[in-house]
Amino acid sequence: MMKTTVEVPDDLYRRAKAEAALRGRKLRDLVEEGLRLVLEAPPKARGRHSLAGLMRRARGTIDSGVPDLASNPEHLKDFGRDDRRHR
């Protein structure tokens, strides 16, 4: 087994020490358990997401109030016109 030193904020240390005591375990056991949980989690559970995956639930959430912009000629007015030619 390897021995190492890890610096953590004081409040995190106190919380971890208290949690270990409540569980009747040593702090090092709690740290080992936490490391194993993070490192053994499937990659998907670790927060590696694609942009498409992150946006999946956001699709279609913006409603313009018009079911199809192409169905309203007002939205197509001047579509495709070159402004430099038609001034």
Protein backbone atom coordinates (compact mmCIF):
# COMPACT_ATOMS: atom_id res chain seq x y z
CA MET A 1 0.00 0.00 0.00
CA MET A 2 1.27 3.48 -0.90
CA LYS A 3 1.27 6.41 1.47
CA THR A 4 0.66 9.95 0.25
CA THR A 5 -0.18 13.42 1.49
CA VAL A 6 -3.22 15.23 0.17
CA GLU A 7 -4.08 18.84 0.90
CA VAL A 8 -7.78 19.54 1.37
CA PRO A 9 -9.63 22.60 2.65
CA ASP A 10 -10.07 22.65 6.44
CA ASP A 11 -13.86 22.43 6.29
CA LEU A 12 -13.75 19.43 3.95
CA TYR A 13 -11.27 17.69 6.24
CA ARG A 14 -13.49 18.28 9.29
CA ARG A 15 -16.59 17.04 7.47
CA ALA A 16 -14.80 13.93 6.20
CA LYS A 17 -13.31 13.20 9.62
CA ALA A 18 -16.75 13.54 11.25
CA GLU A 19 -18.37 11.31 8.59
CA ALA A 20 -15.72 8.65 9.09
CA ALA A 21 -16.29 8.77 12.86
CA LEU A 22 -20.06 8.45 12.40
CA ARG A 23 -19.46 5.36 10.28
CA GLY A 24 -17.01 3.96 12.81
CA ARG A 25 -14.21 4.01 10.23
CA LYS A 26 -10.88 5.70 9.74
CA LEU A 27 -10.55 8.76 7.53
CA ARG A 28 -8.24 6.86 5.19
CA ASP A 29 -10.99 4.26 4.65
CA LEU A 30 -13.45 6.98 3.71
CA VAL A 31 -10.95 8.57 1.30
CA GLU A 32 -10.21 5.19 -0.29
CA GLU A 33 -13.93 4.51 -0.72
CA GLY A 34 -14.44 7.91 -2.35
CA LEU A 35 -11.55 7.41 -4.75
CA ARG A 36 -12.83 3.97 -5.73
CA LEU A 37 -16.33 5.33 -6.34
CA VAL A 38 -14.99 8.01 -8.66
CA LEU A 39 -12.46 5.86 -10.50
CA GLU A 40 -14.62 2.75 -10.90
CA ALA A 41 -17.72 4.59 -12.10
CA PRO A 42 -18.55 4.01 -15.76
CA PRO A 43 -17.26 6.84 -17.98
CA LYS A 44 -20.82 7.98 -18.67
CA ALA A 45 -21.45 8.45 -14.96
CA ARG A 46 -18.22 10.43 -14.57
CA GLY A 47 -19.58 13.42 -16.46
CA ARG A 48 -18.11 12.81 -19.89
CA HIS A 49 -20.92 14.03 -22.10
CA SER A 50 -21.10 15.03 -25.71
CA LEU A 51 -22.64 18.36 -26.66
CA ALA A 52 -25.47 16.51 -28.39
CA GLY A 53 -26.11 14.54 -25.21
CA LEU A 54 -26.15 17.66 -23.07
CA MET A 55 -28.54 19.43 -25.46
CA ARG A 56 -30.86 16.45 -25.98
CA ARG A 57 -33.38 17.65 -23.40
CA ALA A 58 -33.14 21.27 -24.56
CA ARG A 59 -34.22 20.57 -28.13
CA GLY A 60 -37.52 22.11 -29.06
CA THR A 61 -37.86 24.14 -25.89
CA ILE A 62 -37.95 27.51 -27.65
CA ASP A 63 -41.35 28.28 -29.09
CA SER A 64 -41.58 31.14 -31.58
CA GLY A 65 -45.35 30.94 -31.54
CA VAL A 66 -45.37 30.12 -35.26
CA PRO A 67 -45.76 26.41 -36.02
CA ASP A 68 -43.70 26.64 -39.21
CA LEU A 69 -41.98 29.85 -40.28
CA ALA A 70 -42.24 28.80 -43.93
CA SER A 71 -46.04 28.72 -43.66
CA ASN A 72 -46.19 32.48 -43.09
CA PRO A 73 -45.22 34.54 -46.16
CA GLU A 74 -44.38 37.52 -43.93
CA HIS A 75 -41.42 35.57 -42.53
CA LEU A 76 -40.14 34.86 -46.04
CA LYS A 77 -40.33 38.44 -47.27
CA ASP A 78 -37.02 39.39 -48.89
CA PHE A 79 -35.62 35.93 -48.19
CA GLY A 80 -32.65 35.30 -50.45
CA ARG A 81 -32.42 38.87 -51.70
CA ASP A 82 -29.04 40.50 -51.87
CA ASP A 83 -29.44 43.80 -49.98
CA ARG A 84 -26.63 45.41 -51.96
CA ARG A 85 -28.56 45.02 -55.24
CA HIS A 86 -31.98 46.07 -54.00
CA ARG A 87 -31.41 49.40 -52.30
